[in-house]
């Protein structure tokens, strides 16, 4: 997937290889834009940066474009690009903004309900943009929680304030006796999981095409730090894949669904059949074909079945015969919720 131009509001980002011809071409494009639109490009406000390129070459390019040099990491659309989000220093701008909001007079003069409202509406919103893109280190989550707790129990007040209950109880929903304040670590994990959810849905867009082309078939060890953090969100501290366990498939044509891993836990229930199958990692549409009467299952086995195993095969076929397939319909993922779960 090639990307050479990105636009957001009044920002335009050109991406190219490090060649003088490309820089001259960009300048020609901008000049043509000026002539056709009667608008002026401010080259002094524009910047040029490069990755793994000699500094002298970048200086030459900046002289051609009459723009300034950009160091990495840099800030774009409010996010720090090129930094290391696993370091606490990366999050210092967010922590500084939170501390500024928690001024002394607000802690002294606001009521308890007012402090709760400020934490929910302002403090959490400050870190929202960063938390929705980067995985925060444990130290940063603890620091934000510490600032919230200190403000809640009387920021700026004289003397040591009493902490009446644990922060875990504070973060519970109101019906369970809490105040509904979000836990930063879980809030961060939830926001990152939304990227994974959008990757599973039929949503289209340039960002999705780029991620699928870059990381679709790559191993985790060869991926960027951001993608590694995003992938690890699927797994809980206990090692369970909580993300996949809360998703289910709506079967269409079966082009995306792996037969043995999704349908009714067939892999665990019919382990003997799975070990004998030649289609272990295949999708549903690879396990049969369409004819004039509908869908017909066709399996390939490594060996012939023993007589006592044929009963197991019959049970297996009776189960999968109930799977409804729809030719020409796309498979879809959906969030599986129990009736007792709160609404999204």
C-alpha atoms as a PDB file:
ATOM      1  CA  UNK A   1       0.000   0.000   0.000  1.00  0.00           C
ATOM      2  CA  UNK A   2       1.638   3.225  -1.180  1.00  0.00           C
ATOM      3  CA  UNK A   3       0.917   6.522   0.551  1.00  0.00           C
ATOM      4  CA  UNK A   4       2.392   9.749  -0.798  1.00  0.00           C
ATOM      5  CA  UNK A   5      -0.135  12.377   0.301  1.00  0.00           C
ATOM      6  CA  UNK A   6      -2.147  12.838   3.511  1.00  0.00           C
ATOM      7  CA  UNK A   7      -4.512  15.707   4.266  1.00  0.00           C
ATOM      8  CA  UNK A   8      -6.319  16.694   7.440  1.00  0.00           C
ATOM      9  CA  UNK A   9      -8.178  20.016   7.670  1.00  0.00           C
ATOM     10  CA  UNK A  10      -5.594  22.601   6.567  1.00  0.00           C
ATOM     11  CA  UNK A  11      -2.575  20.293   7.021  1.00  0.00           C
ATOM     12  CA  UNK A  12      -0.992  18.530   4.050  1.00  0.00           C
ATOM     13  CA  UNK A  13       1.717  15.900   4.387  1.00  0.00           C
ATOM     14  CA  UNK A  14       3.852  14.841   1.401  1.00  0.00           C
ATOM     15  CA  UNK A  15       5.738  11.531   1.640  1.00  0.00           C
ATOM     16  CA  UNK A  16       8.472  10.614  -0.821  1.00  0.00           C
ATOM     17  CA  UNK A  17      11.857   8.973  -1.202  1.00  0.00           C
ATOM     18  CA  UNK A  18      15.018  10.942  -0.537  1.00  0.00           C
ATOM     19  CA  UNK A  19      15.752  12.293  -4.011  1.00  0.00           C
ATOM     20  CA  UNK A  20      16.318  15.821  -5.284  1.00  0.00           C
ATOM     21  CA  UNK A  21      13.919  15.181  -8.183  1.00  0.00           C
ATOM     22  CA  UNK A  22      11.106  14.406  -5.729  1.00  0.00           C
ATOM     23  CA  UNK A  23      11.728  17.623  -3.778  1.00  0.00           C
ATOM     24  CA  UNK A  24      11.664  19.681  -6.967  1.00  0.00           C
ATOM     25  CA  UNK A  25       8.439  17.911  -7.981  1.00  0.00           C
ATOM     26  CA  UNK A  26       6.819  18.780  -4.640  1.00  0.00           C
ATOM     27  CA  UNK A  27       7.803  22.416  -5.038  1.00  0.00           C
ATOM     28  CA  UNK A  28       6.333  22.407  -8.559  1.00  0.00           C
ATOM     29  CA  UNK A  29       3.060  20.939  -7.239  1.00  0.00           C
ATOM     30  CA  UNK A  30       2.827  23.632  -4.565  1.00  0.00           C
ATOM     31  CA  UNK A  31       3.617  26.345  -7.105  1.00  0.00           C
ATOM     32  CA  UNK A  32       0.897  25.056  -9.448  1.00  0.00           C
ATOM     33  CA  UNK A  33      -1.505  25.094  -6.504  1.00  0.00           C
ATOM     34  CA  UNK A  34      -0.685  28.754  -5.885  1.00  0.00           C
ATOM     35  CA  UNK A  35      -1.291  29.681  -9.535  1.00  0.00           C
ATOM     36  CA  UNK A  36      -4.554  27.760  -9.857  1.00  0.00           C
ATOM     37  CA  UNK A  37      -6.100  28.766  -6.500  1.00  0.00           C
ATOM     38  CA  UNK A  38      -4.649  32.272  -6.071  1.00  0.00           C
ATOM     39  CA  UNK A  39      -3.569  31.204  -2.578  1.00  0.00           C
ATOM     40  CA  UNK A  40      -0.103  31.538  -1.109  1.00  0.00           C
ATOM     41  CA  UNK A  41       1.852  28.662   0.430  1.00  0.00           C
ATOM     42  CA  UNK A  42       3.752  29.791   3.517  1.00  0.00           C
ATOM     43  CA  UNK A  43       7.039  27.912   3.147  1.00  0.00           C
ATOM     44  CA  UNK A  44       8.411  29.474   6.336  1.00  0.00           C
ATOM     45  CA  UNK A  45       5.741  27.663   8.359  1.00  0.00           C
ATOM     46  CA  UNK A  46       6.296  24.434   6.456  1.00  0.00           C
ATOM     47  CA  UNK A  47       8.844  21.878   7.667  1.00  0.00           C
ATOM     48  CA  UNK A  48      10.788  19.000   6.196  1.00  0.00           C
ATOM     49  CA  UNK A  49      12.007  15.923   8.041  1.00  0.00           C
ATOM     50  CA  UNK A  50      13.601  12.635   7.106  1.00  0.00           C
ATOM     51  CA  UNK A  51      14.178   9.157   8.523  1.00  0.00           C
ATOM     52  CA  UNK A  52      17.571   7.456   8.039  1.00  0.00           C
ATOM     53  CA  UNK A  53      18.783  10.238   5.741  1.00  0.00           C
ATOM     54  CA  UNK A  54      22.006  12.190   6.034  1.00  0.00           C
ATOM     55  CA  UNK A  55      21.549  15.555   7.731  1.00  0.00           C
ATOM     56  CA  UNK A  56      23.354  17.437   4.946  1.00  0.00           C
ATOM     57  CA  UNK A  57      20.902  16.041   2.371  1.00  0.00           C
ATOM     58  CA  UNK A  58      17.965  17.216   4.434  1.00  0.00           C
ATOM     59  CA  UNK A  59      19.506  20.698   4.683  1.00  0.00           C
ATOM     60  CA  UNK A  60      19.812  20.755   0.884  1.00  0.00           C
ATOM     61  CA  UNK A  61      16.147  19.852   0.534  1.00  0.00           C
ATOM     62  CA  UNK A  62      15.153  22.576   2.991  1.00  0.00           C
ATOM     63  CA  UNK A  63      17.072  25.165   0.953  1.00  0.00           C
ATOM     64  CA  UNK A  64      15.258  24.075  -2.210  1.00  0.00           C
ATOM     65  CA  UNK A  65      11.847  24.362  -0.520  1.00  0.00           C
ATOM     66  CA  UNK A  66      12.824  27.413   1.595  1.00  0.00           C
ATOM     67  CA  UNK A  67      11.427  25.748   4.711  1.00  0.00           C
ATOM     68  CA  UNK A  68      12.834  24.874   8.137  1.00  0.00           C
ATOM     69  CA  UNK A  69      14.123  21.516   9.358  1.00  0.00           C
ATOM     70  CA  UNK A  70      11.983  19.271  11.539  1.00  0.00           C
ATOM     71  CA  UNK A  71      13.518  17.141  14.255  1.00  0.00           C
ATOM     72  CA  UNK A  72      12.214  13.738  15.303  1.00  0.00           C
ATOM     73  CA  UNK A  73      10.235  13.255  17.512  1.00  0.00           C
ATOM     74  CA  UNK A  74       7.810  15.983  16.447  1.00  0.00           C
ATOM     75  CA  UNK A  75       4.233  16.937  17.246  1.00  0.00           C
ATOM     76  CA  UNK A  76       1.540  16.442  14.623  1.00  0.00           C
ATOM     77  CA  UNK A  77      -2.191  16.976  15.267  1.00  0.00           C
ATOM     78  CA  UNK A  78      -1.503  17.046  19.007  1.00  0.00           C
ATOM     79  CA  UNK A  79       0.369  13.720  19.150  1.00  0.00           C
ATOM     80  CA  UNK A  80       4.099  13.170  19.555  1.00  0.00           C
ATOM     81  CA  UNK A  81       5.327  11.211  16.527  1.00  0.00           C
ATOM     82  CA  UNK A  82       8.572   9.266  16.604  1.00  0.00           C
ATOM     83  CA  UNK A  83       8.989   9.146  20.397  1.00  0.00           C
ATOM     84  CA  UNK A  84       9.029   6.162  22.727  1.00  0.00           C
ATOM     85  CA  UNK A  85       5.637   5.829  24.483  1.00  0.00           C
ATOM     86  CA  UNK A  86       7.048   3.227  26.875  1.00  0.00           C
ATOM     87  CA  UNK A  87       9.104   5.968  28.590  1.00  0.00           C
ATOM     88  CA  UNK A  88       7.502   8.159  31.237  1.00  0.00           C
ATOM     89  CA  UNK A  89       9.174  11.277  29.773  1.00  0.00           C
ATOM     90  CA  UNK A  90       7.053  10.829  26.633  1.00  0.00           C
ATOM     91  CA  UNK A  91       3.907  11.406  28.741  1.00  0.00           C
ATOM     92  CA  UNK A  92       5.181  14.461  30.607  1.00  0.00           C
ATOM     93  CA  UNK A  93       3.132  16.929  28.464  1.00  0.00           C
ATOM     94  CA  UNK A  94      -0.051  15.082  29.460  1.00  0.00           C
ATOM     95  CA  UNK A  95       0.885  15.018  33.148  1.00  0.00           C
ATOM     96  CA  UNK A  96       1.764  18.723  33.045  1.00  0.00           C
ATOM     97  CA  UNK A  97      -1.645  19.611  31.617  1.00  0.00           C
ATOM     98  CA  UNK A  98      -3.393  17.602  34.327  1.00  0.00           C
ATOM     99  CA  UNK A  99      -1.377  19.327  37.090  1.00  0.00           C
ATOM    100  CA  UNK A 100      -2.264  22.751  35.686  1.00  0.00           C
ATOM    101  CA  UNK A 101      -5.967  21.936  35.806  1.00  0.00           C
ATOM    102  CA  UNK A 102      -5.724  20.878  39.423  1.00  0.00           C
ATOM    103  CA  UNK A 103      -4.965  24.318  40.796  1.00  0.00           C
ATOM    104  CA  UNK A 104      -5.000  24.954  44.533  1.00  0.00           C
ATOM    105  CA  UNK A 105      -8.138  27.086  44.627  1.00  0.00           C
ATOM    106  CA  UNK A 106     -10.205  24.374  42.909  1.00  0.00           C
ATOM    107  CA  UNK A 107      -9.218  21.877  45.568  1.00  0.00           C
ATOM    108  CA  UNK A 108     -10.009  24.257  48.418  1.00  0.00           C
ATOM    109  CA  UNK A 109     -13.261  25.757  47.226  1.00  0.00           C
ATOM    110  CA  UNK A 110     -14.956  23.036  45.199  1.00  0.00           C
ATOM    111  CA  UNK A 111     -17.335  20.586  46.798  1.00  0.00           C
ATOM    112  CA  UNK A 112     -16.720  16.840  46.748  1.00  0.00           C
ATOM    113  CA  UNK A 113     -19.289  16.428  43.959  1.00  0.00           C
ATOM    114  CA  UNK A 114     -17.610  19.216  42.007  1.00  0.00           C
ATOM    115  CA  UNK A 115     -14.227  17.515  42.253  1.00  0.00           C
ATOM    116  CA  UNK A 116     -15.724  14.234  41.021  1.00  0.00           C
ATOM    117  CA  UNK A 117     -17.306  16.058  38.083  1.00  0.00           C
ATOM    118  CA  UNK A 118     -13.996  17.765  37.220  1.00  0.00           C
ATOM    119  CA  UNK A 119     -12.124  14.456  37.267  1.00  0.00           C
ATOM    120  CA  UNK A 120     -14.672  12.826  34.975  1.00  0.00           C
ATOM    121  CA  UNK A 121     -15.189  15.640  32.489  1.00  0.00           C
ATOM    122  CA  UNK A 122     -11.813  17.393  32.332  1.00  0.00           C
ATOM    123  CA  UNK A 123      -8.940  15.330  33.671  1.00  0.00           C
ATOM    124  CA  UNK A 124      -9.880  12.138  31.823  1.00  0.00           C
ATOM    125  CA  UNK A 125     -10.485  14.161  28.655  1.00  0.00           C
ATOM    126  CA  UNK A 126      -6.953  15.628  28.750  1.00  0.00           C
ATOM    127  CA  UNK A 127      -5.345  12.198  28.456  1.00  0.00           C
ATOM    128  CA  UNK A 128      -8.002  10.792  26.100  1.00  0.00           C
ATOM    129  CA  UNK A 129      -6.185  11.619  22.855  1.00  0.00           C
ATOM    130  CA  UNK A 130      -2.889  10.063  23.949  1.00  0.00           C
ATOM    131  CA  UNK A 131      -4.539   7.038  25.601  1.00  0.00           C
ATOM    132  CA  UNK A 132      -6.523   6.271  22.456  1.00  0.00           C
ATOM    133  CA  UNK A 133      -3.327   5.840  20.433  1.00  0.00           C
ATOM    134  CA  UNK A 134      -0.455   4.854  22.743  1.00  0.00           C
ATOM    135  CA  UNK A 135      -0.200   2.261  25.492  1.00  0.00           C
ATOM    136  CA  UNK A 136       0.630   4.063  28.721  1.00  0.00           C
ATOM    137  CA  UNK A 137       3.342   2.602  31.001  1.00  0.00           C
ATOM    138  CA  UNK A 138       2.334   1.404  34.458  1.00  0.00           C
ATOM    139  CA  UNK A 139       4.207   4.319  36.034  1.00  0.00           C
ATOM    140  CA  UNK A 140       2.195   6.880  34.044  1.00  0.00           C
ATOM    141  CA  UNK A 141      -1.125   5.221  34.965  1.00  0.00           C
ATOM    142  CA  UNK A 142      -0.126   5.282  38.628  1.00  0.00           C
ATOM    143  CA  UNK A 143       0.890   8.932  38.435  1.00  0.00           C
ATOM    144  CA  UNK A 144      -2.418   9.988  36.837  1.00  0.00           C
ATOM    145  CA  UNK A 145      -4.314   7.951  39.426  1.00  0.00           C
ATOM    146  CA  UNK A 146      -2.259   9.571  42.191  1.00  0.00           C
ATOM    147  CA  UNK A 147      -3.124  13.060  40.912  1.00  0.00           C
ATOM    148  CA  UNK A 148      -6.807  12.163  40.693  1.00  0.00           C
ATOM    149  CA  UNK A 149      -6.866  10.676  44.180  1.00  0.00           C
ATOM    150  CA  UNK A 150      -5.018  13.615  45.715  1.00  0.00           C
ATOM    151  CA  UNK A 151      -7.423  16.073  44.103  1.00  0.00           C
ATOM    152  CA  UNK A 152     -10.521  14.092  45.063  1.00  0.00           C
ATOM    153  CA  UNK A 153      -9.677  13.991  48.768  1.00  0.00           C
ATOM    154  CA  UNK A 154      -8.838  17.698  49.010  1.00  0.00           C
ATOM    155  CA  UNK A 155      -6.187  19.125  46.692  1.00  0.00           C
ATOM    156  CA  UNK A 156      -4.471  22.159  48.241  1.00  0.00           C
ATOM    157  CA  UNK A 157      -6.186  21.831  51.600  1.00  0.00           C
ATOM    158  CA  UNK A 158      -4.074  22.228  54.729  1.00  0.00           C
ATOM    159  CA  UNK A 159      -3.111  19.119  56.614  1.00  0.00           C
ATOM    160  CA  UNK A 160      -3.300  15.510  55.550  1.00  0.00           C
ATOM    161  CA  UNK A 161      -6.694  14.520  54.211  1.00  0.00           C
ATOM    162  CA  UNK A 162      -8.373  11.211  55.066  1.00  0.00           C
ATOM    163  CA  UNK A 163      -8.778   8.680  52.262  1.00  0.00           C
ATOM    164  CA  UNK A 164     -12.151   7.156  53.105  1.00  0.00           C
ATOM    165  CA  UNK A 165     -12.031   4.228  50.704  1.00  0.00           C
ATOM    166  CA  UNK A 166      -9.725   2.546  48.190  1.00  0.00           C
ATOM    167  CA  UNK A 167      -9.392   3.813  44.639  1.00  0.00           C
ATOM    168  CA  UNK A 168     -10.691   0.472  43.411  1.00  0.00           C
ATOM    169  CA  UNK A 169     -14.031   1.184  45.101  1.00  0.00           C
ATOM    170  CA  UNK A 170     -14.040   4.733  43.699  1.00  0.00           C
ATOM    171  CA  UNK A 171     -13.739   3.341  40.159  1.00  0.00           C
ATOM    172  CA  UNK A 172     -16.739   1.038  40.521  1.00  0.00           C
ATOM    173  CA  UNK A 173     -19.991   2.002  38.787  1.00  0.00           C
ATOM    174  CA  UNK A 174     -22.532   3.860  40.891  1.00  0.00           C
ATOM    175  CA  UNK A 175     -24.924   0.925  41.183  1.00  0.00           C
ATOM    176  CA  UNK A 176     -22.088  -1.034  42.843  1.00  0.00           C
ATOM    177  CA  UNK A 177     -21.337   1.732  45.336  1.00  0.00           C
ATOM    178  CA  UNK A 178     -18.619   3.585  43.416  1.00  0.00           C
ATOM    179  CA  UNK A 179     -18.368   7.003  41.781  1.00  0.00           C
ATOM    180  CA  UNK A 180     -17.937   5.831  38.198  1.00  0.00           C
ATOM    181  CA  UNK A 181     -14.452   7.308  37.736  1.00  0.00           C
ATOM    182  CA  UNK A 182     -12.545   5.404  35.073  1.00  0.00           C
ATOM    183  CA  UNK A 183      -9.478   3.327  35.878  1.00  0.00           C
ATOM    184  CA  UNK A 184      -6.764   4.742  33.641  1.00  0.00           C
ATOM    185  CA  UNK A 185      -5.140   1.402  32.773  1.00  0.00           C
ATOM    186  CA  UNK A 186      -8.444  -0.231  31.784  1.00  0.00           C
ATOM    187  CA  UNK A 187      -9.582   2.922  29.994  1.00  0.00           C
ATOM    188  CA  UNK A 188      -6.344   2.887  27.969  1.00  0.00           C
ATOM    189  CA  UNK A 189      -6.773  -0.783  27.110  1.00  0.00           C
ATOM    190  CA  UNK A 190     -10.380  -0.224  26.036  1.00  0.00           C
ATOM    191  CA  UNK A 191      -9.493   2.685  23.744  1.00  0.00           C
ATOM    192  CA  UNK A 192      -6.733   0.652  22.077  1.00  0.00           C
ATOM    193  CA  UNK A 193      -9.083  -2.329  21.705  1.00  0.00           C
ATOM    194  CA  UNK A 194     -11.328  -0.105  19.606  1.00  0.00           C
ATOM    195  CA  UNK A 195      -8.641  -0.166  16.908  1.00  0.00           C
ATOM    196  CA  UNK A 196      -8.776  -3.956  16.938  1.00  0.00           C
ATOM    197  CA  UNK A 197     -12.574  -3.877  16.785  1.00  0.00           C
ATOM    198  CA  UNK A 198     -12.552  -1.520  13.802  1.00  0.00           C
ATOM    199  CA  UNK A 199     -10.078  -3.837  12.081  1.00  0.00           C
ATOM    200  CA  UNK A 200     -12.589  -6.684  12.457  1.00  0.00           C
ATOM    201  CA  UNK A 201     -15.569  -4.719  11.119  1.00  0.00           C
ATOM    202  CA  UNK A 202     -16.332  -4.039   7.414  1.00  0.00           C
ATOM    203  CA  UNK A 203     -15.310  -0.407   7.902  1.00  0.00           C
ATOM    204  CA  UNK A 204     -13.114   0.849   5.080  1.00  0.00           C
ATOM    205  CA  UNK A 205     -10.528   3.591   4.966  1.00  0.00           C
ATOM    206  CA  UNK A 206      -6.959   4.406   4.075  1.00  0.00           C
ATOM    207  CA  UNK A 207      -5.746   3.765   7.639  1.00  0.00           C
ATOM    208  CA  UNK A 208      -7.151   0.231   7.547  1.00  0.00           C
ATOM    209  CA  UNK A 209      -5.647  -0.549   4.152  1.00  0.00           C
ATOM    210  CA  UNK A 210      -2.239   0.645   5.364  1.00  0.00           C
ATOM    211  CA  UNK A 211      -2.357  -1.466   8.537  1.00  0.00           C
ATOM    212  CA  UNK A 212      -3.548  -4.585   6.709  1.00  0.00           C
ATOM    213  CA  UNK A 213      -0.872  -4.254   4.028  1.00  0.00           C
ATOM    214  CA  UNK A 214       1.878  -3.559   6.559  1.00  0.00           C
ATOM    215  CA  UNK A 215       0.976  -5.965   9.372  1.00  0.00           C
ATOM    216  CA  UNK A 216      -1.498  -8.400   7.849  1.00  0.00           C
ATOM    217  CA  UNK A 217       0.962 -11.277   7.395  1.00  0.00           C
ATOM    218  CA  UNK A 218       3.903 -10.130   9.494  1.00  0.00           C
ATOM    219  CA  UNK A 219       5.049 -11.762  12.674  1.00  0.00           C
ATOM    220  CA  UNK A 220       4.794  -9.837  15.911  1.00  0.00           C
ATOM    221  CA  UNK A 221       8.589  -9.825  16.364  1.00  0.00           C
ATOM    222  CA  UNK A 222       9.061  -7.858  13.114  1.00  0.00           C
ATOM    223  CA  UNK A 223       6.382  -5.270  13.827  1.00  0.00           C
ATOM    224  CA  UNK A 224       6.633  -1.746  15.190  1.00  0.00           C
ATOM    225  CA  UNK A 225       6.361  -0.962  18.899  1.00  0.00           C
ATOM    226  CA  UNK A 226       2.899   0.561  18.365  1.00  0.00           C
ATOM    227  CA  UNK A 227       1.551  -2.583  16.656  1.00  0.00           C
ATOM    228  CA  UNK A 228       3.066  -4.829  19.328  1.00  0.00           C
ATOM    229  CA  UNK A 229       1.336  -2.845  22.068  1.00  0.00           C
ATOM    230  CA  UNK A 230      -1.920  -2.943  20.137  1.00  0.00           C
ATOM    231  CA  UNK A 231      -1.722  -6.708  19.654  1.00  0.00           C
ATOM    232  CA  UNK A 232      -0.911  -7.350  23.311  1.00  0.00           C
ATOM    233  CA  UNK A 233      -4.120  -5.573  24.326  1.00  0.00           C
ATOM    234  CA  UNK A 234      -6.008  -8.743  23.332  1.00  0.00           C
ATOM    235  CA  UNK A 235      -4.481 -10.649  26.239  1.00  0.00           C
ATOM    236  CA  UNK A 236      -5.341 -10.065  29.903  1.00  0.00           C
ATOM    237  CA  UNK A 237      -2.900 -10.237  32.795  1.00  0.00           C
ATOM    238  CA  UNK A 238      -3.979 -13.856  33.339  1.00  0.00           C
ATOM    239  CA  UNK A 239      -3.053 -14.760  29.745  1.00  0.00           C
ATOM    240  CA  UNK A 240      -6.631 -15.049  28.465  1.00  0.00           C
ATOM    241  CA  UNK A 241      -7.601 -13.608  25.091  1.00  0.00           C
ATOM    242  CA  UNK A 242     -10.475 -11.528  26.467  1.00  0.00           C
ATOM    243  CA  UNK A 243     -10.936  -9.666  23.165  1.00  0.00           C
ATOM    244  CA  UNK A 244     -11.618 -12.692  20.968  1.00  0.00           C
ATOM    245  CA  UNK A 245     -13.686 -14.386  23.677  1.00  0.00           C
ATOM    246  CA  UNK A 246     -16.188 -11.495  23.546  1.00  0.00           C
ATOM    247  CA  UNK A 247     -16.525 -11.562  19.754  1.00  0.00           C
ATOM    248  CA  UNK A 248     -18.575 -13.921  17.624  1.00  0.00           C
ATOM    249  CA  UNK A 249     -19.011 -14.535  13.900  1.00  0.00           C
ATOM    250  CA  UNK A 250     -22.106 -14.222  11.788  1.00  0.00           C
ATOM    251  CA  UNK A 251     -21.489 -16.752   9.034  1.00  0.00           C
ATOM    252  CA  UNK A 252     -21.957 -15.600   5.469  1.00  0.00           C
ATOM    253  CA  UNK A 253     -20.014 -17.231   2.653  1.00  0.00           C
ATOM    254  CA  UNK A 254     -17.312 -18.478   5.049  1.00  0.00           C
ATOM    255  CA  UNK A 255     -14.368 -16.756   3.344  1.00  0.00           C
ATOM    256  CA  UNK A 256     -12.977 -15.222   6.559  1.00  0.00           C
ATOM    257  CA  UNK A 257     -13.906 -17.792   9.210  1.00  0.00           C
ATOM    258  CA  UNK A 258     -11.523 -20.618  10.068  1.00  0.00           C
ATOM    259  CA  UNK A 259     -13.605 -23.774  10.209  1.00  0.00           C
ATOM    260  CA  UNK A 260     -12.030 -25.664  13.121  1.00  0.00           C
ATOM    261  CA  UNK A 261     -11.361 -22.662  15.350  1.00  0.00           C
ATOM    262  CA  UNK A 262     -14.710 -20.871  15.262  1.00  0.00           C
ATOM    263  CA  UNK A 263     -17.661 -23.189  14.692  1.00  0.00           C
ATOM    264  CA  UNK A 264     -18.883 -24.644  17.971  1.00  0.00           C
ATOM    265  CA  UNK A 265     -15.367 -25.348  19.305  1.00  0.00           C
ATOM    266  CA  UNK A 266     -15.053 -28.305  16.920  1.00  0.00           C
ATOM    267  CA  UNK A 267     -11.303 -28.454  17.420  1.00  0.00           C
ATOM    268  CA  UNK A 268     -11.648 -29.324  21.120  1.00  0.00           C
ATOM    269  CA  UNK A 269     -14.760 -31.484  20.797  1.00  0.00           C
ATOM    270  CA  UNK A 270     -13.538 -33.592  17.847  1.00  0.00           C
ATOM    271  CA  UNK A 271      -9.797 -33.553  18.435  1.00  0.00           C
ATOM    272  CA  UNK A 272      -9.330 -36.944  16.750  1.00  0.00           C
ATOM    273  CA  UNK A 273     -11.027 -35.703  13.584  1.00  0.00           C
ATOM    274  CA  UNK A 274      -9.024 -32.488  13.661  1.00  0.00           C
ATOM    275  CA  UNK A 275      -5.703 -34.362  13.850  1.00  0.00           C
ATOM    276  CA  UNK A 276      -6.739 -36.481  10.849  1.00  0.00           C
ATOM    277  CA  UNK A 277      -7.913 -33.520   8.754  1.00  0.00           C
ATOM    278  CA  UNK A 278      -5.928 -32.063   5.864  1.00  0.00           C
ATOM    279  CA  UNK A 279      -7.823 -28.769   6.210  1.00  0.00           C
ATOM    280  CA  UNK A 280      -6.790 -27.783   9.737  1.00  0.00           C
ATOM    281  CA  UNK A 281      -6.119 -24.087   9.124  1.00  0.00           C
ATOM    282  CA  UNK A 282      -8.540 -23.557   6.249  1.00  0.00           C
ATOM    283  CA  UNK A 283     -11.577 -21.304   6.118  1.00  0.00           C
ATOM    284  CA  UNK A 284     -15.129 -22.614   5.850  1.00  0.00           C
ATOM    285  CA  UNK A 285     -15.360 -21.989   2.090  1.00  0.00           C
ATOM    286  CA  UNK A 286     -12.347 -24.313   1.616  1.00  0.00           C
ATOM    287  CA  UNK A 287     -14.194 -27.220   3.248  1.00  0.00           C
ATOM    288  CA  UNK A 288     -16.866 -27.633   0.582  1.00  0.00           C
ATOM    289  CA  UNK A 289     -18.435 -26.207  -2.567  1.00  0.00           C
ATOM    290  CA  UNK A 290     -21.653 -24.776  -3.933  1.00  0.00           C
ATOM    291  CA  UNK A 291     -23.785 -26.731  -6.417  1.00  0.00           C
ATOM    292  CA  UNK A 292     -27.270 -26.327  -7.854  1.00  0.00           C
ATOM    293  CA  UNK A 293     -28.866 -27.651  -4.638  1.00  0.00           C
ATOM    294  CA  UNK A 294     -26.801 -25.570  -2.205  1.00  0.00           C
ATOM    295  CA  UNK A 295     -23.702 -26.061  -0.082  1.00  0.00           C
ATOM    296  CA  UNK A 296     -21.980 -29.472   0.046  1.00  0.00           C
ATOM    297  CA  UNK A 297     -19.303 -30.296   2.640  1.00  0.00           C
ATOM    298  CA  UNK A 298     -16.158 -31.963   1.279  1.00  0.00           C
ATOM    299  CA  UNK A 299     -13.424 -32.962   3.722  1.00  0.00           C
ATOM    300  CA  UNK A 300     -10.056 -34.542   3.028  1.00  0.00           C
ATOM    301  CA  UNK A 301      -8.694 -36.969   5.612  1.00  0.00           C
ATOM    302  CA  UNK A 302      -5.165 -38.277   6.072  1.00  0.00           C
ATOM    303  CA  UNK A 303      -6.319 -41.900   6.470  1.00  0.00           C
ATOM    304  CA  UNK A 304      -9.434 -44.047   6.331  1.00  0.00           C
ATOM    305  CA  UNK A 305     -11.638 -44.187   9.409  1.00  0.00           C
ATOM    306  CA  UNK A 306     -11.879 -47.203  11.671  1.00  0.00           C
ATOM    307  CA  UNK A 307     -15.349 -48.654  12.190  1.00  0.00           C
ATOM    308  CA  UNK A 308     -15.667 -47.330  15.738  1.00  0.00           C
ATOM    309  CA  UNK A 309     -14.613 -43.835  14.525  1.00  0.00           C
ATOM    310  CA  UNK A 310     -17.399 -43.615  11.944  1.00  0.00           C
ATOM    311  CA  UNK A 311     -19.938 -42.930  14.709  1.00  0.00           C
ATOM    312  CA  UNK A 312     -17.885 -39.887  15.690  1.00  0.00           C
ATOM    313  CA  UNK A 313     -17.795 -38.747  12.057  1.00  0.00           C
ATOM    314  CA  UNK A 314     -21.582 -39.064  11.762  1.00  0.00           C
ATOM    315  CA  UNK A 315     -22.044 -36.933  14.884  1.00  0.00           C
ATOM    316  CA  UNK A 316     -19.613 -34.386  13.456  1.00  0.00           C
ATOM    317  CA  UNK A 317     -21.457 -34.179  10.108  1.00  0.00           C
ATOM    318  CA  UNK A 318     -24.851 -33.834  11.823  1.00  0.00           C
ATOM    319  CA  UNK A 319     -23.557 -30.796  13.735  1.00  0.00           C
ATOM    320  CA  UNK A 320     -21.975 -28.947  10.804  1.00  0.00           C
ATOM    321  CA  UNK A 321     -24.983 -29.656   8.557  1.00  0.00           C
ATOM    322  CA  UNK A 322     -26.864 -27.131  10.715  1.00  0.00           C
ATOM    323  CA  UNK A 323     -24.393 -24.325   9.944  1.00  0.00           C
ATOM    324  CA  UNK A 324     -26.205 -21.832   7.672  1.00  0.00           C
ATOM    325  CA  UNK A 325     -24.062 -20.557   4.796  1.00  0.00           C
ATOM    326  CA  UNK A 326     -25.159 -17.736   2.488  1.00  0.00           C
ATOM    327  CA  UNK A 327     -23.509 -17.473  -0.896  1.00  0.00           C
ATOM    328  CA  UNK A 328     -22.304 -13.980  -1.756  1.00  0.00           C
ATOM    329  CA  UNK A 329     -22.748 -12.678   1.814  1.00  0.00           C
ATOM    330  CA  UNK A 330     -19.766 -11.340   3.742  1.00  0.00           C
ATOM    331  CA  UNK A 331     -18.800 -12.832   7.109  1.00  0.00           C
ATOM    332  CA  UNK A 332     -19.186 -10.316   9.949  1.00  0.00           C
ATOM    333  CA  UNK A 333     -17.870 -10.003  13.497  1.00  0.00           C
ATOM    334  CA  UNK A 334     -20.138  -8.755  16.264  1.00  0.00           C
ATOM    335  CA  UNK A 335     -19.834  -8.113  19.979  1.00  0.00           C
ATOM    336  CA  UNK A 336     -21.308 -10.972  21.955  1.00  0.00           C
ATOM    337  CA  UNK A 337     -22.986  -9.694  25.125  1.00  0.00           C
ATOM    338  CA  UNK A 338     -25.069 -11.431  27.752  1.00  0.00           C
ATOM    339  CA  UNK A 339     -28.484  -9.974  28.727  1.00  0.00           C
ATOM    340  CA  UNK A 340     -27.064  -8.887  32.085  1.00  0.00           C
ATOM    341  CA  UNK A 341     -24.340  -6.742  30.519  1.00  0.00           C
ATOM    342  CA  UNK A 342     -24.932  -2.977  30.451  1.00  0.00           C
ATOM    343  CA  UNK A 343     -25.692  -1.406  27.096  1.00  0.00           C
ATOM    344  CA  UNK A 344     -22.761  -0.097  25.050  1.00  0.00           C
END
